[in-house]
N, C-alpha and C. Protein backbone atom coordinates (compact mmCIF):
# COMPACT_ATOMS: atom_id res chain seq x y z
N MET A 1 99.29 81.29 75.57
CA MET A 1 98.42 81.44 76.70
C MET A 1 97.41 82.52 76.37
N THR A 2 96.17 82.33 76.79
CA THR A 2 95.13 83.32 76.54
C THR A 2 94.63 83.87 77.86
N THR A 3 94.14 85.10 77.82
CA THR A 3 93.56 85.70 79.00
C THR A 3 92.12 86.03 78.72
N THR A 4 91.31 86.04 79.77
CA THR A 4 89.90 86.35 79.66
C THR A 4 89.73 87.85 79.75
N THR A 5 88.98 88.43 78.82
CA THR A 5 88.68 89.85 78.85
C THR A 5 87.17 90.02 78.82
N VAL A 6 86.68 90.85 79.73
CA VAL A 6 85.26 91.16 79.80
C VAL A 6 85.08 92.57 79.26
N ASP A 7 83.97 92.82 78.54
CA ASP A 7 83.72 94.17 78.05
C ASP A 7 83.72 95.14 79.21
N ALA A 8 84.49 96.19 79.07
CA ALA A 8 84.64 97.17 80.14
C ALA A 8 83.45 98.12 80.17
N PRO A 9 82.94 98.45 81.37
CA PRO A 9 81.87 99.44 81.48
C PRO A 9 82.37 100.81 81.04
N ALA A 10 81.43 101.70 80.70
CA ALA A 10 81.78 103.06 80.30
C ALA A 10 82.65 103.70 81.38
N GLY A 11 83.70 104.42 80.97
CA GLY A 11 84.59 105.08 81.91
C GLY A 11 85.71 104.19 82.42
N THR A 12 85.69 102.93 82.02
CA THR A 12 86.69 101.98 82.48
C THR A 12 87.75 101.80 81.41
N ALA A 13 89.00 101.87 81.81
CA ALA A 13 90.12 101.68 80.88
C ALA A 13 90.56 100.22 80.93
N LEU A 14 90.93 99.70 79.77
CA LEU A 14 91.45 98.33 79.68
C LEU A 14 92.96 98.40 79.52
N TRP A 15 93.67 97.71 80.41
CA TRP A 15 95.12 97.64 80.40
C TRP A 15 95.53 96.20 80.18
N LYS A 16 96.61 96.01 79.43
CA LYS A 16 97.15 94.67 79.20
C LYS A 16 98.54 94.59 79.82
N LEU A 17 98.80 93.50 80.53
CA LEU A 17 100.10 93.29 81.17
C LEU A 17 101.18 93.15 80.11
N ASP A 18 102.30 93.83 80.31
CA ASP A 18 103.45 93.72 79.43
C ASP A 18 104.35 92.61 79.98
N PRO A 19 104.34 91.40 79.37
CA PRO A 19 105.10 90.28 79.93
C PRO A 19 106.60 90.53 80.01
N SER A 20 107.13 91.41 79.16
CA SER A 20 108.57 91.69 79.20
C SER A 20 108.94 92.61 80.36
N HIS A 21 107.93 93.18 81.02
CA HIS A 21 108.16 94.03 82.19
C HIS A 21 107.28 93.57 83.35
N ALA A 22 107.20 92.26 83.52
CA ALA A 22 106.42 91.67 84.60
C ALA A 22 107.27 90.64 85.33
N HIS A 23 107.23 90.69 86.63
CA HIS A 23 108.00 89.75 87.45
C HIS A 23 107.08 89.17 88.51
N VAL A 24 106.93 87.86 88.49
CA VAL A 24 106.17 87.14 89.52
C VAL A 24 107.19 86.28 90.25
N GLU A 25 107.45 86.64 91.49
CA GLU A 25 108.49 85.98 92.27
C GLU A 25 107.90 85.39 93.55
N PHE A 26 108.58 84.39 94.08
CA PHE A 26 108.14 83.77 95.32
C PHE A 26 109.35 83.42 96.18
N ALA A 27 109.10 83.25 97.47
CA ALA A 27 110.15 82.83 98.40
C ALA A 27 109.51 81.89 99.42
N VAL A 28 110.24 80.82 99.75
CA VAL A 28 109.78 79.85 100.74
C VAL A 28 110.98 79.39 101.56
N ARG A 29 110.75 79.12 102.83
CA ARG A 29 111.86 78.70 103.69
C ARG A 29 112.38 77.32 103.29
N HIS A 30 113.70 77.16 103.39
CA HIS A 30 114.38 75.91 103.07
C HIS A 30 115.21 75.49 104.27
N LEU A 31 115.06 74.25 104.70
CA LEU A 31 115.78 73.72 105.87
C LEU A 31 115.51 74.55 107.13
N MET A 32 114.51 75.38 107.08
CA MET A 32 114.10 76.24 108.19
C MET A 32 115.16 77.29 108.55
N ILE A 33 116.19 77.46 107.71
CA ILE A 33 117.25 78.42 108.03
C ILE A 33 117.49 79.47 106.95
N SER A 34 116.93 79.26 105.76
CA SER A 34 117.13 80.23 104.68
C SER A 34 115.90 80.20 103.79
N LYS A 35 115.92 81.00 102.73
CA LYS A 35 114.81 81.03 101.79
C LYS A 35 115.28 80.67 100.40
N VAL A 36 114.46 79.91 99.70
CA VAL A 36 114.66 79.66 98.27
C VAL A 36 113.75 80.64 97.55
N LYS A 37 114.30 81.29 96.54
CA LYS A 37 113.51 82.24 95.75
C LYS A 37 113.42 81.75 94.32
N GLY A 38 112.34 82.10 93.69
CA GLY A 38 112.15 81.73 92.29
C GLY A 38 111.19 82.69 91.62
N GLN A 39 110.95 82.41 90.36
CA GLN A 39 110.06 83.27 89.58
C GLN A 39 109.35 82.46 88.51
N PHE A 40 108.34 83.08 87.94
CA PHE A 40 107.64 82.54 86.79
C PHE A 40 107.85 83.50 85.63
N ALA A 41 108.29 82.99 84.49
CA ALA A 41 108.58 83.85 83.34
C ALA A 41 107.37 84.07 82.44
N ASP A 42 106.43 83.14 82.43
CA ASP A 42 105.29 83.19 81.52
C ASP A 42 104.08 83.75 82.26
N VAL A 43 103.80 85.04 82.07
CA VAL A 43 102.68 85.68 82.76
C VAL A 43 101.96 86.62 81.80
N GLU A 44 100.62 86.57 81.84
CA GLU A 44 99.78 87.44 81.03
C GLU A 44 98.61 87.91 81.89
N GLY A 45 98.04 89.04 81.51
CA GLY A 45 96.89 89.50 82.27
C GLY A 45 96.23 90.72 81.69
N THR A 46 95.03 91.00 82.21
CA THR A 46 94.29 92.21 81.86
C THR A 46 93.82 92.87 83.14
N LEU A 47 93.69 94.18 83.07
CA LEU A 47 93.19 94.98 84.17
C LEU A 47 92.20 95.97 83.60
N GLN A 48 91.00 95.96 84.15
CA GLN A 48 90.00 96.95 83.79
C GLN A 48 89.76 97.80 85.02
N ILE A 49 89.96 99.11 84.87
CA ILE A 49 89.85 99.97 86.05
C ILE A 49 89.33 101.35 85.67
N ASP A 50 88.45 101.85 86.51
CA ASP A 50 87.92 103.22 86.42
C ASP A 50 88.60 103.99 87.55
N ASP A 51 89.44 104.95 87.21
CA ASP A 51 90.19 105.69 88.23
C ASP A 51 89.29 106.39 89.24
N ASP A 52 88.06 106.71 88.83
CA ASP A 52 87.13 107.38 89.74
C ASP A 52 86.44 106.41 90.68
N ASP A 53 86.44 105.12 90.35
CA ASP A 53 85.78 104.12 91.18
C ASP A 53 86.53 102.79 91.07
N VAL A 54 87.63 102.67 91.82
CA VAL A 54 88.46 101.46 91.73
C VAL A 54 87.73 100.21 92.19
N SER A 55 86.62 100.37 92.92
CA SER A 55 85.89 99.20 93.42
C SER A 55 85.32 98.35 92.28
N THR A 56 85.23 98.91 91.08
CA THR A 56 84.71 98.15 89.93
C THR A 56 85.83 97.48 89.14
N ALA A 57 87.07 97.62 89.57
CA ALA A 57 88.22 97.07 88.83
C ALA A 57 88.12 95.55 88.73
N GLN A 58 88.64 95.03 87.63
CA GLN A 58 88.70 93.59 87.41
C GLN A 58 90.11 93.24 86.95
N LEU A 59 90.74 92.33 87.69
CA LEU A 59 92.10 91.88 87.39
C LEU A 59 92.06 90.40 87.07
N HIS A 60 92.68 90.03 85.95
CA HIS A 60 92.77 88.62 85.54
C HIS A 60 94.22 88.35 85.14
N VAL A 61 94.83 87.35 85.79
CA VAL A 61 96.22 87.01 85.50
C VAL A 61 96.33 85.50 85.33
N GLU A 62 97.11 85.08 84.32
CA GLU A 62 97.42 83.67 84.10
C GLU A 62 98.93 83.50 84.07
N ILE A 63 99.40 82.45 84.75
CA ILE A 63 100.83 82.17 84.85
C ILE A 63 101.06 80.76 84.34
N GLY A 64 102.01 80.60 83.43
CA GLY A 64 102.39 79.27 82.96
C GLY A 64 103.22 78.56 84.02
N ALA A 65 102.67 77.48 84.58
CA ALA A 65 103.35 76.75 85.67
C ALA A 65 104.70 76.19 85.22
N GLU A 66 104.79 75.81 83.96
CA GLU A 66 106.02 75.23 83.41
C GLU A 66 107.19 76.22 83.48
N SER A 67 106.88 77.52 83.55
CA SER A 67 107.92 78.55 83.48
C SER A 67 108.60 78.82 84.83
N ILE A 68 108.32 78.00 85.83
CA ILE A 68 108.94 78.19 87.14
C ILE A 68 110.46 78.07 87.03
N ASP A 69 111.17 78.96 87.73
CA ASP A 69 112.64 78.98 87.63
C ASP A 69 113.23 79.40 88.98
N THR A 70 113.96 78.48 89.60
CA THR A 70 114.66 78.78 90.84
C THR A 70 116.18 78.78 90.63
N ARG A 71 116.61 78.68 89.38
CA ARG A 71 118.02 78.64 88.98
C ARG A 71 118.70 77.32 89.30
N VAL A 72 117.92 76.30 89.66
CA VAL A 72 118.46 74.96 89.90
C VAL A 72 117.57 73.98 89.13
N ASP A 73 118.08 73.43 88.03
CA ASP A 73 117.27 72.59 87.15
C ASP A 73 116.61 71.42 87.87
N GLN A 74 117.35 70.74 88.71
CA GLN A 74 116.80 69.57 89.41
C GLN A 74 115.62 69.98 90.32
N ARG A 75 115.77 71.09 91.03
CA ARG A 75 114.68 71.58 91.89
C ARG A 75 113.49 72.01 91.05
N ASP A 76 113.75 72.69 89.92
CA ASP A 76 112.66 73.13 89.06
C ASP A 76 111.86 71.94 88.53
N GLU A 77 112.55 70.88 88.13
CA GLU A 77 111.85 69.68 87.66
C GLU A 77 111.00 69.07 88.77
N HIS A 78 111.52 69.07 90.00
CA HIS A 78 110.74 68.56 91.13
C HIS A 78 109.51 69.44 91.36
N LEU A 79 109.66 70.76 91.27
CA LEU A 79 108.53 71.67 91.45
C LEU A 79 107.48 71.51 90.35
N ARG A 80 107.89 71.11 89.16
CA ARG A 80 106.95 70.87 88.06
C ARG A 80 106.23 69.52 88.18
N SER A 81 106.77 68.63 89.00
CA SER A 81 106.26 67.26 89.12
C SER A 81 104.95 67.22 89.91
N GLY A 82 104.39 66.01 89.99
CA GLY A 82 103.17 65.79 90.76
C GLY A 82 103.30 66.07 92.24
N ASP A 83 104.54 66.10 92.76
CA ASP A 83 104.74 66.44 94.18
C ASP A 83 104.36 67.89 94.47
N PHE A 84 104.43 68.75 93.45
CA PHE A 84 104.15 70.17 93.65
C PHE A 84 103.12 70.67 92.63
N LEU A 85 103.54 71.35 91.58
CA LEU A 85 102.61 72.00 90.66
C LEU A 85 101.91 71.06 89.68
N ASP A 86 102.50 69.90 89.41
CA ASP A 86 101.90 68.93 88.49
C ASP A 86 101.51 69.61 87.17
N VAL A 87 102.51 70.21 86.51
CA VAL A 87 102.26 71.02 85.32
C VAL A 87 101.66 70.23 84.16
N GLU A 88 101.87 68.93 84.14
CA GLU A 88 101.29 68.11 83.07
C GLU A 88 99.77 68.16 83.12
N HIS A 89 99.21 68.16 84.31
CA HIS A 89 97.76 68.16 84.46
C HIS A 89 97.20 69.54 84.81
N HIS A 90 98.04 70.45 85.28
CA HIS A 90 97.61 71.78 85.72
C HIS A 90 98.59 72.82 85.18
N PRO A 91 98.49 73.14 83.89
CA PRO A 91 99.50 73.99 83.26
C PRO A 91 99.44 75.47 83.65
N LYS A 92 98.35 75.93 84.30
CA LYS A 92 98.23 77.35 84.61
C LYS A 92 97.90 77.59 86.07
N LEU A 93 98.41 78.69 86.57
CA LEU A 93 97.99 79.26 87.84
C LEU A 93 97.20 80.51 87.45
N THR A 94 96.06 80.76 88.09
CA THR A 94 95.26 81.92 87.71
C THR A 94 94.87 82.73 88.94
N TYR A 95 94.65 84.02 88.71
CA TYR A 95 94.14 84.91 89.75
C TYR A 95 93.08 85.79 89.12
N HIS A 96 91.90 85.82 89.75
CA HIS A 96 90.78 86.65 89.29
C HIS A 96 90.27 87.46 90.48
N SER A 97 90.30 88.77 90.34
CA SER A 97 89.86 89.63 91.46
C SER A 97 88.36 89.53 91.67
N LYS A 98 87.96 89.74 92.92
CA LYS A 98 86.54 89.78 93.30
C LYS A 98 86.17 91.14 93.89
N ARG A 99 87.10 91.74 94.66
CA ARG A 99 86.86 93.02 95.30
C ARG A 99 88.14 93.85 95.29
N VAL A 100 87.97 95.15 95.09
CA VAL A 100 89.10 96.07 95.12
C VAL A 100 88.68 97.28 95.95
N GLU A 101 89.58 97.72 96.83
CA GLU A 101 89.30 98.93 97.59
C GLU A 101 90.58 99.74 97.76
N ARG A 102 90.42 101.05 97.77
CA ARG A 102 91.56 101.93 98.00
C ARG A 102 91.80 101.99 99.51
N THR A 103 93.06 101.79 99.91
CA THR A 103 93.40 101.81 101.34
C THR A 103 94.36 102.96 101.67
N GLY A 104 94.78 103.69 100.68
CA GLY A 104 95.68 104.84 100.86
C GLY A 104 95.82 105.55 99.54
N GLU A 105 96.59 106.63 99.53
CA GLU A 105 96.72 107.43 98.31
C GLU A 105 97.16 106.60 97.10
N ASP A 106 98.14 105.74 97.30
CA ASP A 106 98.62 104.90 96.20
C ASP A 106 98.56 103.42 96.58
N GLN A 107 97.66 103.08 97.50
CA GLN A 107 97.55 101.70 97.99
C GLN A 107 96.16 101.12 97.70
N LEU A 108 96.16 99.86 97.29
CA LEU A 108 94.91 99.15 97.03
C LEU A 108 94.95 97.80 97.74
N ARG A 109 93.78 97.32 98.10
CA ARG A 109 93.61 95.96 98.62
C ARG A 109 92.76 95.23 97.59
N VAL A 110 93.32 94.17 97.03
CA VAL A 110 92.62 93.37 96.01
C VAL A 110 92.40 91.98 96.60
N VAL A 111 91.15 91.56 96.63
CA VAL A 111 90.80 90.22 97.10
C VAL A 111 90.31 89.45 95.89
N GLY A 112 90.88 88.27 95.68
CA GLY A 112 90.49 87.49 94.52
C GLY A 112 90.74 86.01 94.74
N ASP A 113 90.43 85.26 93.72
CA ASP A 113 90.59 83.81 93.75
C ASP A 113 91.87 83.40 93.04
N LEU A 114 92.75 82.74 93.78
CA LEU A 114 93.97 82.15 93.23
C LEU A 114 93.71 80.67 93.04
N THR A 115 94.02 80.16 91.85
CA THR A 115 93.84 78.74 91.57
C THR A 115 95.19 78.13 91.22
N ILE A 116 95.55 77.09 91.99
CA ILE A 116 96.76 76.30 91.76
C ILE A 116 96.34 74.84 91.84
N ARG A 117 96.67 74.05 90.84
CA ARG A 117 96.32 72.62 90.81
C ARG A 117 94.81 72.39 90.94
N ASP A 118 94.02 73.25 90.32
CA ASP A 118 92.55 73.17 90.37
C ASP A 118 91.98 73.39 91.76
N VAL A 119 92.77 73.92 92.68
CA VAL A 119 92.29 74.29 94.01
C VAL A 119 92.24 75.81 94.05
N THR A 120 91.08 76.35 94.40
CA THR A 120 90.88 77.79 94.42
C THR A 120 90.69 78.27 95.85
N ARG A 121 91.44 79.29 96.21
CA ARG A 121 91.34 79.89 97.54
C ARG A 121 91.37 81.41 97.37
N GLU A 122 90.70 82.09 98.29
CA GLU A 122 90.71 83.55 98.28
C GLU A 122 92.06 84.04 98.80
N VAL A 123 92.66 84.97 98.06
CA VAL A 123 93.97 85.53 98.43
C VAL A 123 93.90 87.04 98.31
N GLU A 124 94.46 87.70 99.30
CA GLU A 124 94.49 89.17 99.34
C GLU A 124 95.83 89.67 98.84
N LEU A 125 95.79 90.60 97.89
CA LEU A 125 96.98 91.27 97.39
C LEU A 125 97.04 92.68 97.98
N HIS A 126 98.20 93.08 98.44
CA HIS A 126 98.45 94.44 98.89
C HIS A 126 99.19 95.13 97.75
N VAL A 127 98.52 96.07 97.10
CA VAL A 127 98.99 96.65 95.84
C VAL A 127 99.44 98.09 96.05
N THR A 128 100.57 98.42 95.42
CA THR A 128 101.07 99.80 95.39
C THR A 128 101.05 100.29 93.95
N GLU A 129 100.38 101.43 93.74
CA GLU A 129 100.41 102.06 92.42
C GLU A 129 101.73 102.81 92.32
N ARG A 130 102.49 102.53 91.27
CA ARG A 130 103.82 103.13 91.14
C ARG A 130 103.84 104.31 90.19
N GLY A 131 102.72 104.58 89.53
CA GLY A 131 102.65 105.73 88.65
C GLY A 131 102.34 105.36 87.22
N ARG A 132 102.18 106.41 86.42
CA ARG A 132 101.88 106.26 84.99
C ARG A 132 102.82 107.14 84.19
N ALA A 133 103.08 106.71 82.96
CA ALA A 133 103.98 107.49 82.11
C ALA A 133 103.70 107.17 80.65
N LYS A 134 104.03 108.12 79.79
CA LYS A 134 104.01 107.89 78.35
C LYS A 134 105.30 107.19 77.99
N ASP A 135 105.21 106.17 77.15
CA ASP A 135 106.42 105.49 76.71
C ASP A 135 106.92 106.13 75.41
N PRO A 136 108.13 105.80 74.97
CA PRO A 136 108.70 106.42 73.77
C PRO A 136 107.95 106.09 72.48
N TRP A 137 107.02 105.15 72.52
CA TRP A 137 106.28 104.73 71.33
C TRP A 137 104.87 105.30 71.28
N GLY A 138 104.57 106.24 72.20
CA GLY A 138 103.28 106.90 72.20
C GLY A 138 102.21 106.22 73.05
N GLY A 139 102.56 105.16 73.72
CA GLY A 139 101.60 104.47 74.57
C GLY A 139 101.62 105.00 75.99
N THR A 140 100.66 104.56 76.76
CA THR A 140 100.58 104.91 78.17
C THR A 140 100.79 103.65 78.99
N ARG A 141 101.63 103.76 80.01
CA ARG A 141 101.92 102.62 80.88
C ARG A 141 101.63 102.97 82.33
N ALA A 142 101.27 101.95 83.08
CA ALA A 142 101.06 102.09 84.52
C ALA A 142 101.87 101.01 85.22
N GLY A 143 102.45 101.35 86.35
CA GLY A 143 103.22 100.39 87.12
C GLY A 143 102.54 100.06 88.43
N PHE A 144 102.51 98.77 88.76
CA PHE A 144 101.93 98.30 90.02
C PHE A 144 102.85 97.27 90.63
N GLY A 145 102.92 97.25 91.95
CA GLY A 145 103.61 96.21 92.68
C GLY A 145 102.62 95.59 93.66
N ALA A 146 102.79 94.33 93.98
CA ALA A 146 101.87 93.67 94.91
C ALA A 146 102.60 92.61 95.71
N THR A 147 102.10 92.37 96.91
CA THR A 147 102.62 91.30 97.74
C THR A 147 101.46 90.49 98.30
N ALA A 148 101.74 89.23 98.60
CA ALA A 148 100.76 88.34 99.22
C ALA A 148 101.50 87.23 99.93
N LYS A 149 100.81 86.56 100.84
CA LYS A 149 101.34 85.36 101.48
C LYS A 149 100.27 84.29 101.41
N ILE A 150 100.70 83.08 101.09
CA ILE A 150 99.78 81.95 101.06
C ILE A 150 100.40 80.78 101.82
N ASP A 151 99.56 79.86 102.21
CA ASP A 151 100.01 78.59 102.78
C ASP A 151 99.91 77.58 101.65
N ARG A 152 101.03 77.02 101.23
CA ARG A 152 101.04 76.12 100.07
C ARG A 152 100.17 74.90 100.29
N LYS A 153 100.01 74.45 101.55
CA LYS A 153 99.17 73.28 101.83
C LYS A 153 97.71 73.54 101.47
N ASP A 154 97.27 74.81 101.52
CA ASP A 154 95.89 75.15 101.15
C ASP A 154 95.59 74.81 99.70
N PHE A 155 96.64 74.67 98.88
CA PHE A 155 96.49 74.39 97.45
C PHE A 155 96.91 72.96 97.11
N GLY A 156 97.03 72.11 98.10
CA GLY A 156 97.39 70.71 97.87
C GLY A 156 98.87 70.48 97.65
N LEU A 157 99.69 71.47 97.95
CA LEU A 157 101.14 71.34 97.79
C LEU A 157 101.71 70.89 99.14
N THR A 158 101.57 69.61 99.44
CA THR A 158 101.87 69.10 100.77
C THR A 158 103.18 68.34 100.88
N TRP A 159 103.87 68.07 99.77
CA TRP A 159 105.11 67.30 99.82
C TRP A 159 106.08 67.96 100.78
N ASN A 160 106.76 67.15 101.58
CA ASN A 160 107.79 67.66 102.47
C ASN A 160 108.65 66.51 102.92
N GLN A 161 109.69 66.81 103.64
CA GLN A 161 110.59 65.81 104.18
C GLN A 161 111.03 66.27 105.57
N ALA A 162 110.89 65.37 106.57
CA ALA A 162 111.32 65.69 107.93
C ALA A 162 112.84 65.71 108.00
N LEU A 163 113.36 66.60 108.83
CA LEU A 163 114.80 66.71 109.02
C LEU A 163 115.21 65.99 110.31
N GLU A 164 116.40 65.40 110.31
CA GLU A 164 116.90 64.69 111.49
C GLU A 164 116.94 65.58 112.72
N ALA A 165 117.34 66.82 112.53
CA ALA A 165 117.47 67.75 113.66
C ALA A 165 116.15 68.38 114.06
N GLY A 166 115.06 67.98 113.41
CA GLY A 166 113.76 68.57 113.65
C GLY A 166 113.40 69.55 112.55
N GLY A 167 112.15 69.80 112.41
CA GLY A 167 111.70 70.70 111.35
C GLY A 167 111.51 69.95 110.05
N VAL A 168 111.29 70.71 109.00
CA VAL A 168 111.03 70.13 107.68
C VAL A 168 111.90 70.80 106.62
N LEU A 169 111.98 70.16 105.48
CA LEU A 169 112.81 70.66 104.39
C LEU A 169 112.24 71.95 103.78
N VAL A 170 110.90 71.99 103.57
CA VAL A 170 110.26 73.11 102.88
C VAL A 170 109.22 73.75 103.79
N GLY A 171 109.29 75.06 103.97
CA GLY A 171 108.30 75.77 104.77
C GLY A 171 106.94 75.78 104.09
N ASP A 172 105.91 76.07 104.87
CA ASP A 172 104.55 76.11 104.33
C ASP A 172 104.18 77.48 103.77
N GLU A 173 104.67 78.56 104.39
CA GLU A 173 104.31 79.90 103.94
C GLU A 173 105.11 80.28 102.71
N VAL A 174 104.40 80.78 101.70
CA VAL A 174 105.02 81.25 100.46
C VAL A 174 104.77 82.75 100.35
N GLU A 175 105.83 83.51 100.24
CA GLU A 175 105.73 84.96 100.04
C GLU A 175 105.75 85.22 98.53
N ILE A 176 104.79 86.00 98.07
CA ILE A 176 104.67 86.29 96.64
C ILE A 176 104.86 87.78 96.42
N THR A 177 105.65 88.12 95.40
CA THR A 177 105.89 89.51 95.03
C THR A 177 105.65 89.64 93.54
N LEU A 178 104.89 90.65 93.16
CA LEU A 178 104.60 90.91 91.76
C LEU A 178 104.95 92.35 91.43
N ASP A 179 105.61 92.56 90.33
CA ASP A 179 105.90 93.89 89.81
C ASP A 179 105.60 93.86 88.32
N ALA A 180 104.82 94.84 87.85
CA ALA A 180 104.43 94.78 86.45
C ALA A 180 104.12 96.15 85.88
N GLU A 181 104.38 96.26 84.58
CA GLU A 181 103.91 97.40 83.80
C GLU A 181 102.71 96.94 83.00
N TRP A 182 101.74 97.81 82.92
CA TRP A 182 100.52 97.54 82.16
C TRP A 182 100.42 98.59 81.06
N VAL A 183 99.99 98.17 79.87
CA VAL A 183 99.90 99.06 78.72
C VAL A 183 98.42 99.36 78.45
N LEU A 184 98.10 100.64 78.33
CA LEU A 184 96.72 101.04 78.08
C LEU A 184 96.29 100.58 76.70
N GLU A 185 95.21 99.80 76.65
CA GLU A 185 94.67 99.31 75.38
C GLU A 185 93.52 100.18 74.89
N THR A 186 92.56 100.49 75.79
CA THR A 186 91.41 101.32 75.44
C THR A 186 91.01 102.17 76.63
N GLU A 187 90.43 103.34 76.32
CA GLU A 187 89.88 104.21 77.38
C GLU A 187 88.41 104.38 77.14
C-alpha cells in the first residue's frame, strides 16, 4: 500500500504512521441489542503538522479493506463482499484532512474526506494528542487517538435484513476509534 505525501512547508514536521502501533476499530449495533466490534490491520498514513499553526496540518490515511477482522471468518467474508465493502473493486478506504483546528489544550477537530466504495463524504474526527516521547532507537514518536461516527448508508453500505420482532439485523451508525503512534521523519 502506498500513501500520498506532499512536500511540507517550512516549519512543518512530517510524521509517518507506525502500522505496528496503529489500531483502527469500529463498532455497529447487531440485532439492535448488542454491538459487533472489529478492526482493520492494514493501515498506513502521513501527518504533516506545524506545532505553532495546526490549521495547516495535513493528514492522509489509507486502510486495506481486505484486512477487516471481526474474529468471525464467515462475517468477515460477508463484509468483504459486494453487500458491504466490495474489496475486489474497492481495495482501500481513505481519509484526507481538509481542515484542522485546536479545540482544547490537547484536543483537535479534524474535518476531512472519508472514501469508502468510491463514495466520499466529509467526516469529523475528534482527536486527542496523547504526547510525544523519544523511543529506545533514537526516534521521536507522537501518540494520537481519534473518534468519529458515520452512517454506513451514506457510503452505499445499505445491506440489511428485517427482524421478525421488528428492527433490523445491522445498525446504521458506525462508531470509529483510532489509536496510533506516529514516527517523526523530518523536521
